[in-house]
């Protein structure tokens, strides 16, 4: 519970509630599409149904990932468990790739072995697809709004994934139009197009979370330097590093001070640097570590080239 308001759940539990709500909508849409796809022998509708079913499964993975990701740091995981969210997103992508591959295989088989059961279009199937477009659009916008409010990268990724459902369903509508005009090949072509959309959505999710898994820099070092360059006692800096994700940032840096400065004075400089960085990146900043060093270039090798306030003034 929120210590300031005991009735408000922590942000990750609120995000889990969002996943539960979207799971219900996605499962309902998936069942309707799969049933109609089987009844009408419409491959693109079946493909869309499997995609929607995968959305439901990804909601479950998202819920579980949030459950693990917000366990407190421990001796084995001193930086916490936040990467579980990125791992979950990548796992969702691979399940998307698997589903897309299965749909492609079915589309290729139907293309090379024409099915005697001709696809049909009914007002019911048309209504289901149109309703799914509206539902997916509303769910995506809802997830996007909640992701921004709760500062959840995983919800944001799922919102993008759900938005891809809208375009998949639009492709299914094109397929149904082809069937109505007896252009049955368009059903198979639309299924292949859906495969491409699923692969693209999966690839984008992986790229969005890849940096967190390989500890890429989250914050521009120059931005951090601009925050501390005018602080009293700061002569220079180097090795500014950051890791994590935008909602969960770790920063460490080395700050150079006057060699004649006392330990207590150096501690005060470190405190002012930490305060400036915390103020700039709160509440996303988890931890900032400031290493105080004497401004003595003769003791530093080329790998420790530092930036000084004097340099910036030139």
C-alpha atoms as a PDB file:
ATOM      1  CA  UNK A   1       0.000   0.000   0.000  1.00  0.00           C
ATOM      2  CA  UNK A   2       0.990   3.609  -0.508  1.00  0.00           C
ATOM      3  CA  UNK A   3       2.221   4.912   2.896  1.00  0.00           C
ATOM      4  CA  UNK A   4       0.681   8.324   2.193  1.00  0.00           C
ATOM      5  CA  UNK A   5      -2.670   6.815   1.194  1.00  0.00           C
ATOM      6  CA  UNK A   6      -3.289   3.264   2.465  1.00  0.00           C
ATOM      7  CA  UNK A   7      -6.214   2.809   0.064  1.00  0.00           C
ATOM      8  CA  UNK A   8      -3.991   3.209  -3.022  1.00  0.00           C
ATOM      9  CA  UNK A   9      -2.181   0.124  -4.305  1.00  0.00           C
ATOM     10  CA  UNK A  10       1.509   0.291  -5.338  1.00  0.00           C
ATOM     11  CA  UNK A  11       2.023   1.187  -8.993  1.00  0.00           C
ATOM     12  CA  UNK A  12       3.074  -2.333 -10.031  1.00  0.00           C
ATOM     13  CA  UNK A  13      -0.085  -3.817  -8.509  1.00  0.00           C
ATOM     14  CA  UNK A  14      -2.171  -1.234 -10.359  1.00  0.00           C
ATOM     15  CA  UNK A  15      -0.362  -2.256 -13.554  1.00  0.00           C
ATOM     16  CA  UNK A  16      -1.211  -5.887 -12.770  1.00  0.00           C
ATOM     17  CA  UNK A  17      -4.869  -4.919 -12.521  1.00  0.00           C
ATOM     18  CA  UNK A  18      -4.611  -3.366 -15.984  1.00  0.00           C
ATOM     19  CA  UNK A  19      -3.234  -6.654 -17.312  1.00  0.00           C
ATOM     20  CA  UNK A  20      -6.142  -8.555 -15.749  1.00  0.00           C
ATOM     21  CA  UNK A  21      -8.668  -6.256 -17.428  1.00  0.00           C
ATOM     22  CA  UNK A  22      -6.981  -6.443 -20.837  1.00  0.00           C
ATOM     23  CA  UNK A  23      -6.633 -10.232 -20.482  1.00  0.00           C
ATOM     24  CA  UNK A  24     -10.407 -10.537 -20.232  1.00  0.00           C
ATOM     25  CA  UNK A  25     -11.041  -8.445 -23.357  1.00  0.00           C
ATOM     26  CA  UNK A  26      -8.303 -10.162 -25.384  1.00  0.00           C
ATOM     27  CA  UNK A  27      -9.519 -13.644 -24.448  1.00  0.00           C
ATOM     28  CA  UNK A  28     -13.100 -12.782 -25.397  1.00  0.00           C
ATOM     29  CA  UNK A  29     -12.007 -11.437 -28.785  1.00  0.00           C
ATOM     30  CA  UNK A  30      -9.707 -14.419 -29.402  1.00  0.00           C
ATOM     31  CA  UNK A  31     -12.427 -17.003 -28.734  1.00  0.00           C
ATOM     32  CA  UNK A  32     -14.880 -15.200 -31.024  1.00  0.00           C
ATOM     33  CA  UNK A  33     -12.374 -14.913 -33.885  1.00  0.00           C
ATOM     34  CA  UNK A  34     -11.133 -18.499 -33.627  1.00  0.00           C
ATOM     35  CA  UNK A  35     -14.661 -19.889 -33.570  1.00  0.00           C
ATOM     36  CA  UNK A  36     -15.761 -17.827 -36.554  1.00  0.00           C
ATOM     37  CA  UNK A  37     -12.541 -18.609 -38.425  1.00  0.00           C
ATOM     38  CA  UNK A  38     -13.197 -22.336 -38.043  1.00  0.00           C
ATOM     39  CA  UNK A  39     -16.853 -22.031 -38.999  1.00  0.00           C
ATOM     40  CA  UNK A  40     -16.257 -19.815 -42.054  1.00  0.00           C
ATOM     41  CA  UNK A  41     -12.915 -21.451 -43.101  1.00  0.00           C
ATOM     42  CA  UNK A  42     -11.337 -17.961 -43.172  1.00  0.00           C
ATOM     43  CA  UNK A  43      -7.577 -18.338 -42.701  1.00  0.00           C
ATOM     44  CA  UNK A  44      -6.921 -14.653 -42.030  1.00  0.00           C
ATOM     45  CA  UNK A  45      -9.601 -14.667 -39.319  1.00  0.00           C
ATOM     46  CA  UNK A  46      -7.983 -17.740 -37.740  1.00  0.00           C
ATOM     47  CA  UNK A  47      -4.592 -16.021 -37.872  1.00  0.00           C
ATOM     48  CA  UNK A  48      -6.059 -12.953 -36.221  1.00  0.00           C
ATOM     49  CA  UNK A  49      -7.655 -15.179 -33.597  1.00  0.00           C
ATOM     50  CA  UNK A  50      -4.342 -16.832 -32.757  1.00  0.00           C
ATOM     51  CA  UNK A  51      -2.778 -13.385 -32.532  1.00  0.00           C
ATOM     52  CA  UNK A  52      -5.484 -12.279 -30.086  1.00  0.00           C
ATOM     53  CA  UNK A  53      -5.018 -15.491 -28.079  1.00  0.00           C
ATOM     54  CA  UNK A  54      -1.318 -14.705 -27.888  1.00  0.00           C
ATOM     55  CA  UNK A  55      -2.234 -11.256 -26.559  1.00  0.00           C
ATOM     56  CA  UNK A  56      -4.075 -12.962 -23.706  1.00  0.00           C
ATOM     57  CA  UNK A  57      -1.051 -15.112 -22.957  1.00  0.00           C
ATOM     58  CA  UNK A  58       1.231 -12.075 -23.045  1.00  0.00           C
ATOM     59  CA  UNK A  59      -1.027 -10.397 -20.468  1.00  0.00           C
ATOM     60  CA  UNK A  60      -0.426 -13.372 -18.155  1.00  0.00           C
ATOM     61  CA  UNK A  61       3.348 -13.113 -18.720  1.00  0.00           C
ATOM     62  CA  UNK A  62       3.179  -9.383 -18.032  1.00  0.00           C
ATOM     63  CA  UNK A  63       1.321  -9.976 -14.770  1.00  0.00           C
ATOM     64  CA  UNK A  64       3.852 -12.589 -13.641  1.00  0.00           C
ATOM     65  CA  UNK A  65       6.805 -10.420 -14.680  1.00  0.00           C
ATOM     66  CA  UNK A  66       5.539  -7.525 -12.575  1.00  0.00           C
ATOM     67  CA  UNK A  67       5.104  -9.898  -9.652  1.00  0.00           C
ATOM     68  CA  UNK A  68       8.771 -10.954  -9.819  1.00  0.00           C
ATOM     69  CA  UNK A  69      10.239  -7.630 -10.979  1.00  0.00           C
ATOM     70  CA  UNK A  70       9.134  -5.786  -7.848  1.00  0.00           C
ATOM     71  CA  UNK A  71      10.656  -8.133  -5.325  1.00  0.00           C
ATOM     72  CA  UNK A  72      13.079  -6.083  -3.196  1.00  0.00           C
ATOM     73  CA  UNK A  73      16.837  -6.341  -3.878  1.00  0.00           C
ATOM     74  CA  UNK A  74      18.569  -9.215  -2.137  1.00  0.00           C
ATOM     75  CA  UNK A  75      22.112 -10.507  -1.689  1.00  0.00           C
ATOM     76  CA  UNK A  76      22.048 -12.323  -5.031  1.00  0.00           C
ATOM     77  CA  UNK A  77      20.294  -9.489  -6.895  1.00  0.00           C
ATOM     78  CA  UNK A  78      21.638  -6.248  -5.357  1.00  0.00           C
ATOM     79  CA  UNK A  79      20.252  -4.180  -8.255  1.00  0.00           C
ATOM     80  CA  UNK A  80      16.759  -5.626  -7.870  1.00  0.00           C
ATOM     81  CA  UNK A  81      14.711  -7.730 -10.279  1.00  0.00           C
ATOM     82  CA  UNK A  82      13.541  -5.081 -12.755  1.00  0.00           C
ATOM     83  CA  UNK A  83      15.013  -6.952 -15.737  1.00  0.00           C
ATOM     84  CA  UNK A  84      12.280  -9.536 -15.361  1.00  0.00           C
ATOM     85  CA  UNK A  85      10.056  -7.040 -17.189  1.00  0.00           C
ATOM     86  CA  UNK A  86      12.455  -6.812 -20.131  1.00  0.00           C
ATOM     87  CA  UNK A  87      12.886 -10.602 -20.184  1.00  0.00           C
ATOM     88  CA  UNK A  88       9.105 -11.025 -20.186  1.00  0.00           C
ATOM     89  CA  UNK A  89       8.742  -8.635 -23.109  1.00  0.00           C
ATOM     90  CA  UNK A  90      11.369 -10.559 -25.104  1.00  0.00           C
ATOM     91  CA  UNK A  91       9.634 -13.842 -24.220  1.00  0.00           C
ATOM     92  CA  UNK A  92       6.351 -12.416 -25.503  1.00  0.00           C
ATOM     93  CA  UNK A  93       8.090 -11.530 -28.769  1.00  0.00           C
ATOM     94  CA  UNK A  94       9.368 -15.063 -29.279  1.00  0.00           C
ATOM     95  CA  UNK A  95       5.897 -16.468 -28.697  1.00  0.00           C
ATOM     96  CA  UNK A  96       4.683 -14.000 -31.315  1.00  0.00           C
ATOM     97  CA  UNK A  97       7.318 -15.276 -33.746  1.00  0.00           C
ATOM     98  CA  UNK A  98       6.235 -18.864 -33.093  1.00  0.00           C
ATOM     99  CA  UNK A  99       2.575 -18.043 -33.724  1.00  0.00           C
ATOM    100  CA  UNK A 100       3.481 -16.108 -36.882  1.00  0.00           C
ATOM    101  CA  UNK A 101       5.507 -19.050 -38.181  1.00  0.00           C
ATOM    102  CA  UNK A 102       2.607 -21.438 -37.616  1.00  0.00           C
ATOM    103  CA  UNK A 103       0.228 -19.111 -39.451  1.00  0.00           C
ATOM    104  CA  UNK A 104       2.696 -18.797 -42.338  1.00  0.00           C
ATOM    105  CA  UNK A 105       3.007 -22.570 -42.615  1.00  0.00           C
ATOM    106  CA  UNK A 106      -0.781 -22.927 -42.738  1.00  0.00           C
ATOM    107  CA  UNK A 107      -1.052 -20.142 -45.321  1.00  0.00           C
ATOM    108  CA  UNK A 108       1.633 -21.735 -47.510  1.00  0.00           C
ATOM    109  CA  UNK A 109      -0.014 -25.161 -47.230  1.00  0.00           C
ATOM    110  CA  UNK A 110      -3.392 -23.730 -48.236  1.00  0.00           C
ATOM    111  CA  UNK A 111      -1.778 -21.872 -51.127  1.00  0.00           C
ATOM    112  CA  UNK A 112      -0.135 -25.056 -52.436  1.00  0.00           C
ATOM    113  CA  UNK A 113      -3.065 -27.351 -51.507  1.00  0.00           C
ATOM    114  CA  UNK A 114      -6.322 -25.466 -52.190  1.00  0.00           C
ATOM    115  CA  UNK A 115      -9.026 -26.192 -49.628  1.00  0.00           C
ATOM    116  CA  UNK A 116     -12.325 -27.470 -51.099  1.00  0.00           C
ATOM    117  CA  UNK A 117     -14.167 -25.575 -48.347  1.00  0.00           C
ATOM    118  CA  UNK A 118     -14.593 -22.091 -49.758  1.00  0.00           C
ATOM    119  CA  UNK A 119     -14.272 -19.264 -47.214  1.00  0.00           C
ATOM    120  CA  UNK A 120     -17.493 -17.398 -46.511  1.00  0.00           C
ATOM    121  CA  UNK A 121     -18.370 -14.003 -45.118  1.00  0.00           C
ATOM    122  CA  UNK A 122     -21.368 -13.284 -42.921  1.00  0.00           C
ATOM    123  CA  UNK A 123     -22.705 -10.252 -41.144  1.00  0.00           C
ATOM    124  CA  UNK A 124     -21.771 -11.972 -37.887  1.00  0.00           C
ATOM    125  CA  UNK A 125     -18.126 -12.407 -38.839  1.00  0.00           C
ATOM    126  CA  UNK A 126     -17.978  -8.861 -40.182  1.00  0.00           C
ATOM    127  CA  UNK A 127     -19.499  -7.555 -36.945  1.00  0.00           C
ATOM    128  CA  UNK A 128     -17.015  -9.510 -34.826  1.00  0.00           C
ATOM    129  CA  UNK A 129     -14.027  -8.098 -36.703  1.00  0.00           C
ATOM    130  CA  UNK A 130     -15.353  -4.535 -36.537  1.00  0.00           C
ATOM    131  CA  UNK A 131     -16.044  -4.942 -32.817  1.00  0.00           C
ATOM    132  CA  UNK A 132     -12.525  -6.313 -32.295  1.00  0.00           C
ATOM    133  CA  UNK A 133     -11.061  -3.216 -33.963  1.00  0.00           C
ATOM    134  CA  UNK A 134     -12.959  -0.976 -31.545  1.00  0.00           C
ATOM    135  CA  UNK A 135     -12.061  -3.132 -28.521  1.00  0.00           C
ATOM    136  CA  UNK A 136      -8.361  -3.378 -29.434  1.00  0.00           C
ATOM    137  CA  UNK A 137      -8.159   0.365 -30.048  1.00  0.00           C
ATOM    138  CA  UNK A 138      -9.799   1.167 -26.704  1.00  0.00           C
ATOM    139  CA  UNK A 139      -7.634  -1.366 -24.851  1.00  0.00           C
ATOM    140  CA  UNK A 140      -4.453   0.000 -26.434  1.00  0.00           C
ATOM    141  CA  UNK A 141      -5.325   3.600 -25.566  1.00  0.00           C
ATOM    142  CA  UNK A 142      -6.249   2.530 -22.035  1.00  0.00           C
ATOM    143  CA  UNK A 143      -2.950   0.664 -21.583  1.00  0.00           C
ATOM    144  CA  UNK A 144      -0.986   3.592 -23.014  1.00  0.00           C
ATOM    145  CA  UNK A 145      -2.679   6.018 -20.624  1.00  0.00           C
ATOM    146  CA  UNK A 146      -2.086   3.737 -17.643  1.00  0.00           C
ATOM    147  CA  UNK A 147       1.525   3.090 -18.707  1.00  0.00           C
ATOM    148  CA  UNK A 148       2.185   6.831 -18.642  1.00  0.00           C
ATOM    149  CA  UNK A 149       0.405   7.282 -15.305  1.00  0.00           C
ATOM    150  CA  UNK A 150       2.170   4.335 -13.656  1.00  0.00           C
ATOM    151  CA  UNK A 151       5.500   4.832 -15.477  1.00  0.00           C
ATOM    152  CA  UNK A 152       5.430   1.192 -16.642  1.00  0.00           C
ATOM    153  CA  UNK A 153       7.608   0.204 -19.611  1.00  0.00           C
ATOM    154  CA  UNK A 154       5.992  -3.223 -19.781  1.00  0.00           C
ATOM    155  CA  UNK A 155       2.507  -1.755 -20.064  1.00  0.00           C
ATOM    156  CA  UNK A 156       3.753   0.617 -22.759  1.00  0.00           C
ATOM    157  CA  UNK A 157       5.158  -2.326 -24.729  1.00  0.00           C
ATOM    158  CA  UNK A 158       1.897  -4.234 -24.397  1.00  0.00           C
ATOM    159  CA  UNK A 159      -0.016  -1.143 -25.520  1.00  0.00           C
ATOM    160  CA  UNK A 160       2.046  -1.077 -28.731  1.00  0.00           C
ATOM    161  CA  UNK A 161       1.455  -4.797 -29.170  1.00  0.00           C
ATOM    162  CA  UNK A 162      -2.293  -4.326 -28.764  1.00  0.00           C
ATOM    163  CA  UNK A 163      -2.279  -1.484 -31.285  1.00  0.00           C
ATOM    164  CA  UNK A 164      -0.799  -3.889 -33.830  1.00  0.00           C
ATOM    165  CA  UNK A 165      -4.008  -5.925 -33.392  1.00  0.00           C
ATOM    166  CA  UNK A 166      -5.952  -3.035 -34.852  1.00  0.00           C
ATOM    167  CA  UNK A 167      -3.942  -3.139 -38.073  1.00  0.00           C
ATOM    168  CA  UNK A 168      -4.156  -6.931 -38.176  1.00  0.00           C
ATOM    169  CA  UNK A 169      -7.941  -6.715 -37.936  1.00  0.00           C
ATOM    170  CA  UNK A 170      -8.011  -4.103 -40.698  1.00  0.00           C
ATOM    171  CA  UNK A 171      -6.082  -6.585 -42.858  1.00  0.00           C
ATOM    172  CA  UNK A 172      -8.723  -9.218 -42.042  1.00  0.00           C
ATOM    173  CA  UNK A 173     -11.421  -6.815 -43.222  1.00  0.00           C
ATOM    174  CA  UNK A 174      -9.575  -6.506 -46.531  1.00  0.00           C
ATOM    175  CA  UNK A 175      -9.476 -10.305 -46.727  1.00  0.00           C
ATOM    176  CA  UNK A 176     -13.218 -10.526 -46.097  1.00  0.00           C
ATOM    177  CA  UNK A 177     -13.827  -7.995 -48.842  1.00  0.00           C
ATOM    178  CA  UNK A 178     -11.819 -10.203 -51.211  1.00  0.00           C
ATOM    179  CA  UNK A 179     -13.857 -13.257 -50.230  1.00  0.00           C
ATOM    180  CA  UNK A 180     -17.104 -11.343 -50.798  1.00  0.00           C
ATOM    181  CA  UNK A 181     -15.955 -10.546 -54.331  1.00  0.00           C
ATOM    182  CA  UNK A 182     -14.786 -14.165 -54.875  1.00  0.00           C
ATOM    183  CA  UNK A 183     -11.101 -13.211 -54.738  1.00  0.00           C
ATOM    184  CA  UNK A 184     -10.269 -16.143 -52.457  1.00  0.00           C
ATOM    185  CA  UNK A 185      -6.526 -15.822 -52.903  1.00  0.00           C
ATOM    186  CA  UNK A 186      -6.745 -12.565 -50.951  1.00  0.00           C
ATOM    187  CA  UNK A 187      -7.520 -14.545 -47.790  1.00  0.00           C
ATOM    188  CA  UNK A 188      -4.165 -16.349 -47.980  1.00  0.00           C
ATOM    189  CA  UNK A 189      -2.366 -13.136 -48.955  1.00  0.00           C
ATOM    190  CA  UNK A 190      -3.912 -11.316 -45.978  1.00  0.00           C
ATOM    191  CA  UNK A 191      -2.811 -14.113 -43.636  1.00  0.00           C
ATOM    192  CA  UNK A 192       0.775 -13.694 -44.883  1.00  0.00           C
ATOM    193  CA  UNK A 193       0.477  -9.929 -44.387  1.00  0.00           C
ATOM    194  CA  UNK A 194      -0.649 -10.585 -40.812  1.00  0.00           C
ATOM    195  CA  UNK A 195       2.462 -12.716 -40.318  1.00  0.00           C
ATOM    196  CA  UNK A 196       4.572  -9.737 -41.365  1.00  0.00           C
ATOM    197  CA  UNK A 197       2.759  -7.432 -38.953  1.00  0.00           C
ATOM    198  CA  UNK A 198       3.223  -9.877 -36.068  1.00  0.00           C
ATOM    199  CA  UNK A 199       6.945 -10.248 -36.819  1.00  0.00           C
ATOM    200  CA  UNK A 200       7.349  -6.487 -36.984  1.00  0.00           C
ATOM    201  CA  UNK A 201       5.547  -5.948 -33.659  1.00  0.00           C
ATOM    202  CA  UNK A 202       7.696  -8.639 -32.010  1.00  0.00           C
ATOM    203  CA  UNK A 203      10.902  -7.155 -33.383  1.00  0.00           C
ATOM    204  CA  UNK A 204       9.988  -3.669 -32.141  1.00  0.00           C
ATOM    205  CA  UNK A 205       9.261  -5.009 -28.639  1.00  0.00           C
ATOM    206  CA  UNK A 206      12.668  -6.733 -28.529  1.00  0.00           C
ATOM    207  CA  UNK A 207      14.477  -3.587 -29.673  1.00  0.00           C
ATOM    208  CA  UNK A 208      12.606  -1.510 -27.089  1.00  0.00           C
ATOM    209  CA  UNK A 209      13.850  -3.725 -24.234  1.00  0.00           C
ATOM    210  CA  UNK A 210      17.203  -4.886 -25.581  1.00  0.00           C
ATOM    211  CA  UNK A 211      19.145  -1.942 -24.139  1.00  0.00           C
ATOM    212  CA  UNK A 212      17.965  -2.764 -20.620  1.00  0.00           C
ATOM    213  CA  UNK A 213      19.199  -6.345 -20.949  1.00  0.00           C
ATOM    214  CA  UNK A 214      22.688  -5.342 -22.136  1.00  0.00           C
ATOM    215  CA  UNK A 215      23.048  -2.414 -19.710  1.00  0.00           C
ATOM    216  CA  UNK A 216      23.083   0.312 -22.352  1.00  0.00           C
ATOM    217  CA  UNK A 217      23.291   3.901 -21.125  1.00  0.00           C
ATOM    218  CA  UNK A 218      19.904   5.301 -20.140  1.00  0.00           C
ATOM    219  CA  UNK A 219      20.907   8.931 -19.636  1.00  0.00           C
ATOM    220  CA  UNK A 220      23.127  11.130 -21.812  1.00  0.00           C
ATOM    221  CA  UNK A 221      26.353  11.813 -19.830  1.00  0.00           C
ATOM    222  CA  UNK A 222      26.362  15.395 -21.095  1.00  0.00           C
ATOM    223  CA  UNK A 223      22.974  15.926 -19.469  1.00  0.00           C
ATOM    224  CA  UNK A 224      24.329  14.778 -16.121  1.00  0.00           C
ATOM    225  CA  UNK A 225      27.435  16.935 -16.588  1.00  0.00           C
ATOM    226  CA  UNK A 226      25.248  19.992 -17.173  1.00  0.00           C
ATOM    227  CA  UNK A 227      23.548  19.351 -13.837  1.00  0.00           C
ATOM    228  CA  UNK A 228      26.765  19.329 -11.788  1.00  0.00           C
ATOM    229  CA  UNK A 229      29.180  21.638 -13.609  1.00  0.00           C
ATOM    230  CA  UNK A 230      28.165  24.749 -11.683  1.00  0.00           C
ATOM    231  CA  UNK A 231      28.015  23.132  -8.268  1.00  0.00           C
ATOM    232  CA  UNK A 232      30.464  24.507  -5.640  1.00  0.00           C
ATOM    233  CA  UNK A 233      33.585  22.397  -5.274  1.00  0.00           C
ATOM    234  CA  UNK A 234      33.199  20.494  -8.553  1.00  0.00           C
ATOM    235  CA  UNK A 235      36.346  20.838 -10.673  1.00  0.00           C
ATOM    236  CA  UNK A 236      35.656  18.089 -13.170  1.00  0.00           C
ATOM    237  CA  UNK A 237      34.161  14.661 -13.779  1.00  0.00           C
ATOM    238  CA  UNK A 238      34.629  11.456 -15.724  1.00  0.00           C
ATOM    239  CA  UNK A 239      33.229   7.934 -16.088  1.00  0.00           C
ATOM    240  CA  UNK A 240      29.609   9.049 -15.974  1.00  0.00           C
ATOM    241  CA  UNK A 241      27.608   5.854 -16.345  1.00  0.00           C
ATOM    242  CA  UNK A 242      23.955   4.881 -16.223  1.00  0.00           C
ATOM    243  CA  UNK A 243      22.018   1.649 -16.619  1.00  0.00           C
ATOM    244  CA  UNK A 244      18.522   0.229 -16.233  1.00  0.00           C
ATOM    245  CA  UNK A 245      15.384   1.555 -17.923  1.00  0.00           C
ATOM    246  CA  UNK A 246      13.820   5.009 -18.051  1.00  0.00           C
ATOM    247  CA  UNK A 247      11.595   4.215 -15.066  1.00  0.00           C
ATOM    248  CA  UNK A 248      14.335   2.502 -13.026  1.00  0.00           C
ATOM    249  CA  UNK A 249      17.709   4.279 -13.349  1.00  0.00           C
ATOM    250  CA  UNK A 250      21.087   3.653 -11.727  1.00  0.00           C
ATOM    251  CA  UNK A 251      23.824   6.309 -12.104  1.00  0.00           C
ATOM    252  CA  UNK A 252      27.434   6.432 -10.976  1.00  0.00           C
ATOM    253  CA  UNK A 253      30.161   8.964 -11.725  1.00  0.00           C
ATOM    254  CA  UNK A 254      33.543  10.245 -10.581  1.00  0.00           C
ATOM    255  CA  UNK A 255      33.785  13.874  -9.462  1.00  0.00           C
ATOM    256  CA  UNK A 256      37.100  15.710  -9.191  1.00  0.00           C
ATOM    257  CA  UNK A 257      37.700  18.148  -6.346  1.00  0.00           C
ATOM    258  CA  UNK A 258      40.500  20.312  -4.928  1.00  0.00           C
ATOM    259  CA  UNK A 259      43.346  18.050  -3.655  1.00  0.00           C
ATOM    260  CA  UNK A 260      43.505  20.165  -0.487  1.00  0.00           C
ATOM    261  CA  UNK A 261      39.839  19.560   0.319  1.00  0.00           C
ATOM    262  CA  UNK A 262      39.118  17.691   3.552  1.00  0.00           C
ATOM    263  CA  UNK A 263      37.196  14.431   3.651  1.00  0.00           C
ATOM    264  CA  UNK A 264      34.208  16.197   5.201  1.00  0.00           C
ATOM    265  CA  UNK A 265      34.224  18.877   2.470  1.00  0.00           C
ATOM    266  CA  UNK A 266      34.468  16.166  -0.198  1.00  0.00           C
ATOM    267  CA  UNK A 267      31.511  14.423   1.370  1.00  0.00           C
ATOM    268  CA  UNK A 268      29.511  17.665   1.160  1.00  0.00           C
ATOM    269  CA  UNK A 269      30.345  18.005  -2.547  1.00  0.00           C
ATOM    270  CA  UNK A 270      29.215  14.410  -3.145  1.00  0.00           C
ATOM    271  CA  UNK A 271      25.982  15.165  -1.314  1.00  0.00           C
ATOM    272  CA  UNK A 272      25.243  18.222  -3.459  1.00  0.00           C
ATOM    273  CA  UNK A 273      25.938  16.223  -6.651  1.00  0.00           C
ATOM    274  CA  UNK A 274      23.631  13.422  -5.512  1.00  0.00           C
ATOM    275  CA  UNK A 275      20.915  15.923  -4.603  1.00  0.00           C
ATOM    276  CA  UNK A 276      21.088  17.639  -8.019  1.00  0.00           C
ATOM    277  CA  UNK A 277      20.843  14.325  -9.880  1.00  0.00           C
ATOM    278  CA  UNK A 278      18.047  13.010  -7.654  1.00  0.00           C
ATOM    279  CA  UNK A 279      16.062  16.188  -8.183  1.00  0.00           C
ATOM    280  CA  UNK A 280      16.444  15.902 -11.974  1.00  0.00           C
ATOM    281  CA  UNK A 281      15.501  12.225 -12.325  1.00  0.00           C
ATOM    282  CA  UNK A 282      13.106  11.571  -9.440  1.00  0.00           C
ATOM    283  CA  UNK A 283      11.083   9.357  -9.126  1.00  0.00           C
ATOM    284  CA  UNK A 284      12.773   7.177 -11.778  1.00  0.00           C
ATOM    285  CA  UNK A 285      16.181   7.285 -10.099  1.00  0.00           C
ATOM    286  CA  UNK A 286      16.806   4.244  -7.906  1.00  0.00           C
ATOM    287  CA  UNK A 287      20.397   4.946  -6.859  1.00  0.00           C
ATOM    288  CA  UNK A 288      23.253   7.348  -7.576  1.00  0.00           C
ATOM    289  CA  UNK A 289      26.843   6.719  -6.501  1.00  0.00           C
ATOM    290  CA  UNK A 290      29.373   9.582  -6.496  1.00  0.00           C
ATOM    291  CA  UNK A 291      33.083   8.779  -6.276  1.00  0.00           C
ATOM    292  CA  UNK A 292      35.151  11.743  -5.059  1.00  0.00           C
ATOM    293  CA  UNK A 293      38.698  12.013  -6.462  1.00  0.00           C
ATOM    294  CA  UNK A 294      41.469  14.571  -6.203  1.00  0.00           C
ATOM    295  CA  UNK A 295      41.885  16.757  -9.264  1.00  0.00           C
ATOM    296  CA  UNK A 296      45.385  15.454  -9.985  1.00  0.00           C
ATOM    297  CA  UNK A 297      45.776  14.665 -13.701  1.00  0.00           C
ATOM    298  CA  UNK A 298      49.248  13.220 -13.172  1.00  0.00           C
ATOM    299  CA  UNK A 299      47.710  10.236 -11.400  1.00  0.00           C
ATOM    300  CA  UNK A 300      45.241   9.435 -14.165  1.00  0.00           C
ATOM    301  CA  UNK A 301      45.874   7.327 -17.263  1.00  0.00           C
ATOM    302  CA  UNK A 302      44.412   8.025 -20.719  1.00  0.00           C
ATOM    303  CA  UNK A 303      41.444   5.785 -19.948  1.00  0.00           C
ATOM    304  CA  UNK A 304      40.431   8.217 -17.195  1.00  0.00           C
ATOM    305  CA  UNK A 305      40.395  11.410 -19.243  1.00  0.00           C
ATOM    306  CA  UNK A 306      38.160  13.814 -17.398  1.00  0.00           C
ATOM    307  CA  UNK A 307      36.138  16.881 -18.226  1.00  0.00           C
ATOM    308  CA  UNK A 308      36.749  20.019 -16.224  1.00  0.00           C
ATOM    309  CA  UNK A 309      34.746  23.145 -15.546  1.00  0.00           C
ATOM    310  CA  UNK A 310      37.660  25.151 -16.951  1.00  0.00           C
ATOM    311  CA  UNK A 311      37.382  23.281 -20.250  1.00  0.00           C
ATOM    312  CA  UNK A 312      33.714  24.203 -20.603  1.00  0.00           C
ATOM    313  CA  UNK A 313      34.484  27.881 -20.022  1.00  0.00           C
ATOM    314  CA  UNK A 314      37.010  28.033 -22.854  1.00  0.00           C
END
